[in-house]
Amino acid sequence: MNNFKTSVTMKMLLAGIVLILIVETSAQWYNFPHEAFQGARDMWRAYSDMREANWKDSDKYFHARGNSDAASRGEGGRWAAEVISNAREWVQERTGHGAEDSAADQKANEHGRSGGDPNDYRPPGLPGKY
């Protein structure tokens, strides 16, 4: 009888662990599209702010800030930031912007996505609004 209780207890414990893993995986998958949408919105906001600011040498700051904001949303936001950044740089390289500038942009993108402070790229005098 004791072996039966141990067997049932072990099966219940294993079933509980499997259930927790399934629920956790589902919860992450459920959040991914929402995080990706929010991350894309963060990237758009950084781009819009960059255009509005029209500030000399602010490009890298806005790259880092957009990626940082998006990545802070979670895995979906980080994914959106990477896809958008890579696509933007691919297009710029194909339309005549230099590979050197693109590499510097990608460095700022990665800095933001990996949790670096976007203010490391902030140009002097950029209004506090940004």
Protein backbone atom coordinates (compact mmCIF):
# COMPACT_ATOMS: atom_id res chain seq x y z
CA MET A 1 0.00 0.00 0.00
CA ASN A 2 2.90 2.35 0.80
CA ASN A 3 4.35 1.88 -2.71
CA PHE A 4 0.94 2.73 -4.15
CA LYS A 5 0.84 6.05 -2.23
CA THR A 6 4.37 6.89 -3.30
CA SER A 7 3.54 6.07 -6.92
CA VAL A 8 0.38 8.20 -6.84
CA THR A 9 2.22 11.06 -5.11
CA MET A 10 5.01 10.99 -7.69
CA LYS A 11 2.49 10.95 -10.55
CA MET A 12 0.59 13.88 -9.02
CA LEU A 13 3.84 15.82 -8.53
CA LEU A 14 4.88 15.15 -12.14
CA ALA A 15 1.43 16.13 -13.42
CA GLY A 16 1.63 19.36 -11.39
CA ILE A 17 5.02 20.24 -12.81
CA VAL A 18 3.83 19.55 -16.36
CA LEU A 19 0.72 21.67 -15.78
CA ILE A 20 2.80 24.59 -14.48
CA LEU A 21 5.10 24.38 -17.49
CA ILE A 22 2.16 24.31 -19.90
CA VAL A 23 0.46 27.26 -18.23
CA GLU A 24 3.70 29.27 -18.12
CA THR A 25 4.46 28.56 -21.77
CA SER A 26 0.94 29.48 -22.78
CA ALA A 27 1.07 32.69 -20.77
CA GLN A 28 4.28 33.74 -22.51
CA TRP A 29 2.90 32.91 -25.94
CA TYR A 30 -0.28 34.79 -25.14
CA ASN A 31 1.70 37.94 -24.26
CA PHE A 32 4.11 37.81 -27.20
CA PRO A 33 1.83 39.36 -29.88
CA HIS A 34 0.73 42.13 -27.53
CA GLU A 35 4.33 42.87 -26.53
CA ALA A 36 5.37 42.88 -30.19
CA PHE A 37 2.62 45.37 -31.05
CA GLN A 38 3.61 47.62 -28.15
CA GLY A 39 7.28 47.33 -29.13
CA ALA A 40 6.49 48.32 -32.72
CA ARG A 41 4.56 51.30 -31.36
CA ASP A 42 7.60 52.26 -29.21
CA MET A 43 9.82 52.11 -32.28
CA TRP A 44 7.40 54.32 -34.23
CA ARG A 45 7.26 56.83 -31.36
CA ALA A 46 11.07 57.06 -31.26
CA TYR A 47 11.16 57.58 -35.04
CA SER A 48 8.44 60.26 -34.85
CA ASP A 49 10.26 62.01 -32.02
CA MET A 50 13.50 61.93 -34.02
CA ARG A 51 11.77 63.55 -36.99
CA GLU A 52 10.08 66.13 -34.77
CA ALA A 53 13.26 66.97 -32.85
CA ASN A 54 15.31 67.32 -36.05
CA TRP A 55 18.38 67.57 -33.80
CA LYS A 56 21.95 67.24 -35.06
CA ASP A 57 23.64 63.95 -34.09
CA SER A 58 20.52 62.58 -32.35
CA ASP A 59 20.03 59.59 -34.66
CA LYS A 60 21.88 57.06 -32.48
CA TYR A 61 20.06 58.25 -29.35
CA PHE A 62 16.66 57.64 -30.92
CA HIS A 63 17.80 54.25 -32.22
CA ALA A 64 18.89 53.23 -28.72
CA ARG A 65 15.77 54.70 -27.08
CA GLY A 66 13.32 53.00 -29.43
CA ASN A 67 15.02 49.64 -29.00
CA SER A 68 15.23 50.07 -25.23
CA ASP A 69 11.56 51.01 -24.88
CA ALA A 70 10.47 48.13 -27.11
CA ALA A 71 12.68 45.56 -25.39
CA SER A 72 11.33 46.59 -22.00
CA ARG A 73 7.95 45.21 -23.12
CA GLY A 74 9.26 41.64 -23.03
CA GLU A 75 10.31 39.05 -25.59
CA GLY A 76 7.71 40.22 -28.12
CA GLY A 77 8.92 43.80 -27.90
CA ARG A 78 12.56 42.74 -28.17
CA TRP A 79 11.69 40.69 -31.25
CA ALA A 80 9.81 43.60 -32.86
CA ALA A 81 12.70 45.97 -32.17
CA GLU A 82 15.19 43.59 -33.76
CA VAL A 83 13.06 42.93 -36.84
CA ILE A 84 12.27 46.62 -37.39
CA SER A 85 15.88 47.70 -36.80
CA ASN A 86 17.28 45.09 -39.15
CA ALA A 87 14.73 45.92 -41.84
CA ARG A 88 15.40 49.65 -41.54
CA GLU A 89 19.15 49.16 -41.83
CA TRP A 90 18.74 46.76 -44.75
CA VAL A 91 16.67 49.34 -46.62
CA GLN A 92 19.11 52.15 -45.84
CA GLU A 93 22.07 50.13 -47.06
CA ARG A 94 20.23 49.34 -50.31
CA THR A 95 19.33 53.00 -50.87
CA GLY A 96 22.87 54.32 -50.68
CA HIS A 97 23.44 55.03 -46.99
CA GLY A 98 26.88 53.92 -45.93
CA ALA A 99 27.60 50.57 -44.34
CA GLU A 100 29.66 52.37 -41.69
CA ASP A 101 26.67 54.47 -40.60
CA SER A 102 24.48 51.36 -40.62
CA ALA A 103 26.95 49.51 -38.39
CA ALA A 104 26.92 52.43 -35.93
CA ASP A 105 23.11 52.44 -35.97
CA GLN A 106 23.05 48.70 -35.29
CA LYS A 107 25.45 49.19 -32.37
CA ALA A 108 23.04 51.75 -30.88
CA ASN A 109 20.10 49.41 -31.58
CA GLU A 110 21.78 46.54 -29.76
CA HIS A 111 22.81 48.82 -26.91
CA GLY A 112 19.16 49.75 -26.34
CA ARG A 113 17.81 46.21 -26.75
CA SER A 114 20.33 44.77 -24.31
CA GLY A 115 19.34 47.14 -21.52
CA GLY A 116 21.92 49.86 -22.08
CA ASP A 117 21.02 53.43 -21.22
CA PRO A 118 19.92 55.33 -24.36
CA ASN A 119 21.26 58.52 -22.76
CA ASP A 120 24.75 57.21 -23.50
CA TYR A 121 23.97 58.38 -27.08
CA ARG A 122 22.10 61.56 -26.13
CA PRO A 123 23.54 64.58 -27.97
CA PRO A 124 24.29 67.75 -26.03
CA GLY A 125 21.38 70.18 -25.85
CA LEU A 126 18.63 67.79 -26.99
CA PRO A 127 15.47 69.09 -25.31
CA GLY A 128 14.37 67.19 -22.21
CA LYS A 129 11.06 66.43 -23.91
CA TYR A 130 12.90 63.61 -25.66
